[in-house]
Amino acid sequence: MALWVLIKIIVLLVNAVAVLNEERFLRRIGFGYRPEVVAEESLKARTINLLHAVRTLLRIPLIFINAFVIVLLVLFG
């Protein structure tokens, strides 16, 4: 039971990161993706790279993961 809750939390957090709009939100707070920041090793640069990677690499898999989680929730409550 606790594992299922942990999986749902992770899926929800990844969804939250994936839907952040770079122009409307991330650039305003200083977390917009810039190629010159990629080479830095600061915590902010790593966070920017993580946000960019999640938004680009997990977009398609998240569709299937969300569909799977929805089906499981409908079937098993």
C-alpha atoms as a PDB file:
ATOM      1  CA  MET A   1       0.000   0.000   0.000  1.00  0.00           C
ATOM      2  CA  ALA A   2       2.775   2.432   0.863  1.00  0.00           C
ATOM      3  CA  LEU A   3       4.547   1.632  -2.403  1.00  0.00           C
ATOM      4  CA  TRP A   4       1.429   2.564  -4.393  1.00  0.00           C
ATOM      5  CA  VAL A   5       1.176   5.883  -2.551  1.00  0.00           C
ATOM      6  CA  LEU A   6       4.848   6.576  -3.263  1.00  0.00           C
ATOM      7  CA  ILE A   7       4.346   5.810  -6.975  1.00  0.00           C
ATOM      8  CA  LYS A   8       1.357   8.168  -7.147  1.00  0.00           C
ATOM      9  CA  ILE A   9       3.350  10.931  -5.441  1.00  0.00           C
ATOM     10  CA  ILE A  10       6.232  10.540  -7.888  1.00  0.00           C
ATOM     11  CA  VAL A  11       3.908  10.560 -10.900  1.00  0.00           C
ATOM     12  CA  LEU A  12       2.159  13.682  -9.630  1.00  0.00           C
ATOM     13  CA  LEU A  13       5.462  15.491  -9.013  1.00  0.00           C
ATOM     14  CA  VAL A  14       6.804  14.597 -12.455  1.00  0.00           C
ATOM     15  CA  ASN A  15       3.529  15.792 -13.973  1.00  0.00           C
ATOM     16  CA  ALA A  16       3.847  19.068 -12.088  1.00  0.00           C
ATOM     17  CA  VAL A  17       7.365  19.612 -13.434  1.00  0.00           C
ATOM     18  CA  ALA A  18       6.355  18.613 -16.961  1.00  0.00           C
ATOM     19  CA  VAL A  19       3.561  21.165 -17.234  1.00  0.00           C
ATOM     20  CA  LEU A  20       5.556  24.182 -16.091  1.00  0.00           C
ATOM     21  CA  ASN A  21       5.565  26.761 -18.848  1.00  0.00           C
ATOM     22  CA  GLU A  22       9.037  28.124 -19.477  1.00  0.00           C
ATOM     23  CA  GLU A  23       8.004  31.483 -20.929  1.00  0.00           C
ATOM     24  CA  ARG A  24       5.239  32.260 -18.451  1.00  0.00           C
ATOM     25  CA  PHE A  25       6.693  30.910 -15.235  1.00  0.00           C
ATOM     26  CA  LEU A  26      10.252  29.584 -15.259  1.00  0.00           C
ATOM     27  CA  ARG A  27      11.928  32.575 -16.896  1.00  0.00           C
ATOM     28  CA  ARG A  28      10.194  34.978 -14.535  1.00  0.00           C
ATOM     29  CA  ILE A  29      11.742  33.289 -11.506  1.00  0.00           C
ATOM     30  CA  GLY A  30      15.133  32.802 -13.170  1.00  0.00           C
ATOM     31  CA  PHE A  31      14.868  29.112 -14.009  1.00  0.00           C
ATOM     32  CA  GLY A  32      14.505  29.357 -17.783  1.00  0.00           C
ATOM     33  CA  TYR A  33      16.759  27.108 -19.852  1.00  0.00           C
ATOM     34  CA  ARG A  34      19.832  28.834 -21.247  1.00  0.00           C
ATOM     35  CA  PRO A  35      22.649  26.968 -23.038  1.00  0.00           C
ATOM     36  CA  GLU A  36      25.355  28.962 -21.254  1.00  0.00           C
ATOM     37  CA  VAL A  37      24.123  27.694 -17.875  1.00  0.00           C
ATOM     38  CA  VAL A  38      24.554  24.043 -18.884  1.00  0.00           C
ATOM     39  CA  ALA A  39      28.303  24.082 -18.240  1.00  0.00           C
ATOM     40  CA  GLU A  40      27.977  25.453 -14.693  1.00  0.00           C
ATOM     41  CA  GLU A  41      28.012  23.169 -11.659  1.00  0.00           C
ATOM     42  CA  SER A  42      25.866  25.237  -9.299  1.00  0.00           C
ATOM     43  CA  LEU A  43      22.707  23.928  -7.687  1.00  0.00           C
ATOM     44  CA  LYS A  44      20.598  26.339  -9.725  1.00  0.00           C
ATOM     45  CA  ALA A  45      22.200  25.165 -12.990  1.00  0.00           C
ATOM     46  CA  ARG A  46      21.582  21.532 -12.066  1.00  0.00           C
ATOM     47  CA  THR A  47      17.969  22.308 -11.204  1.00  0.00           C
ATOM     48  CA  ILE A  48      17.487  24.089 -14.536  1.00  0.00           C
ATOM     49  CA  ASN A  49      18.998  21.110 -16.374  1.00  0.00           C
ATOM     50  CA  LEU A  50      16.773  18.677 -14.449  1.00  0.00           C
ATOM     51  CA  LEU A  51      13.640  20.691 -15.232  1.00  0.00           C
ATOM     52  CA  HIS A  52      14.584  20.868 -18.910  1.00  0.00           C
ATOM     53  CA  ALA A  53      15.378  17.150 -19.091  1.00  0.00           C
ATOM     54  CA  VAL A  54      12.107  16.139 -17.436  1.00  0.00           C
ATOM     55  CA  ARG A  55      10.114  18.419 -19.725  1.00  0.00           C
ATOM     56  CA  THR A  56      11.751  17.102 -22.900  1.00  0.00           C
ATOM     57  CA  LEU A  57      12.494  13.441 -22.186  1.00  0.00           C
ATOM     58  CA  LEU A  58       9.460  12.401 -20.156  1.00  0.00           C
ATOM     59  CA  ARG A  59       6.723  14.109 -22.130  1.00  0.00           C
ATOM     60  CA  ILE A  60       5.700  11.063 -24.213  1.00  0.00           C
ATOM     61  CA  PRO A  61       6.283   8.398 -21.516  1.00  0.00           C
ATOM     62  CA  LEU A  62       4.181  10.434 -19.084  1.00  0.00           C
ATOM     63  CA  ILE A  63       1.164  10.043 -21.342  1.00  0.00           C
ATOM     64  CA  PHE A  64       1.354   6.263 -21.042  1.00  0.00           C
ATOM     65  CA  ILE A  65       2.265   6.307 -17.340  1.00  0.00           C
ATOM     66  CA  ASN A  66      -0.712   8.571 -16.576  1.00  0.00           C
ATOM     67  CA  ALA A  67      -3.043   6.369 -18.611  1.00  0.00           C
ATOM     68  CA  PHE A  68      -1.792   3.289 -16.762  1.00  0.00           C
ATOM     69  CA  VAL A  69      -2.260   4.927 -13.353  1.00  0.00           C
ATOM     70  CA  ILE A  70      -5.749   6.100 -14.298  1.00  0.00           C
ATOM     71  CA  VAL A  71      -6.743   2.615 -15.429  1.00  0.00           C
ATOM     72  CA  LEU A  72      -5.434   1.124 -12.184  1.00  0.00           C
ATOM     73  CA  LEU A  73      -7.312   3.690 -10.131  1.00  0.00           C
ATOM     74  CA  VAL A  74     -10.543   3.022 -12.018  1.00  0.00           C
ATOM     75  CA  LEU A  75     -10.181  -0.744 -11.654  1.00  0.00           C
ATOM     76  CA  PHE A  76      -8.992  -0.946  -8.060  1.00  0.00           C
ATOM     77  CA  GLY A  77     -10.189   2.321  -6.569  1.00  0.00           C
END
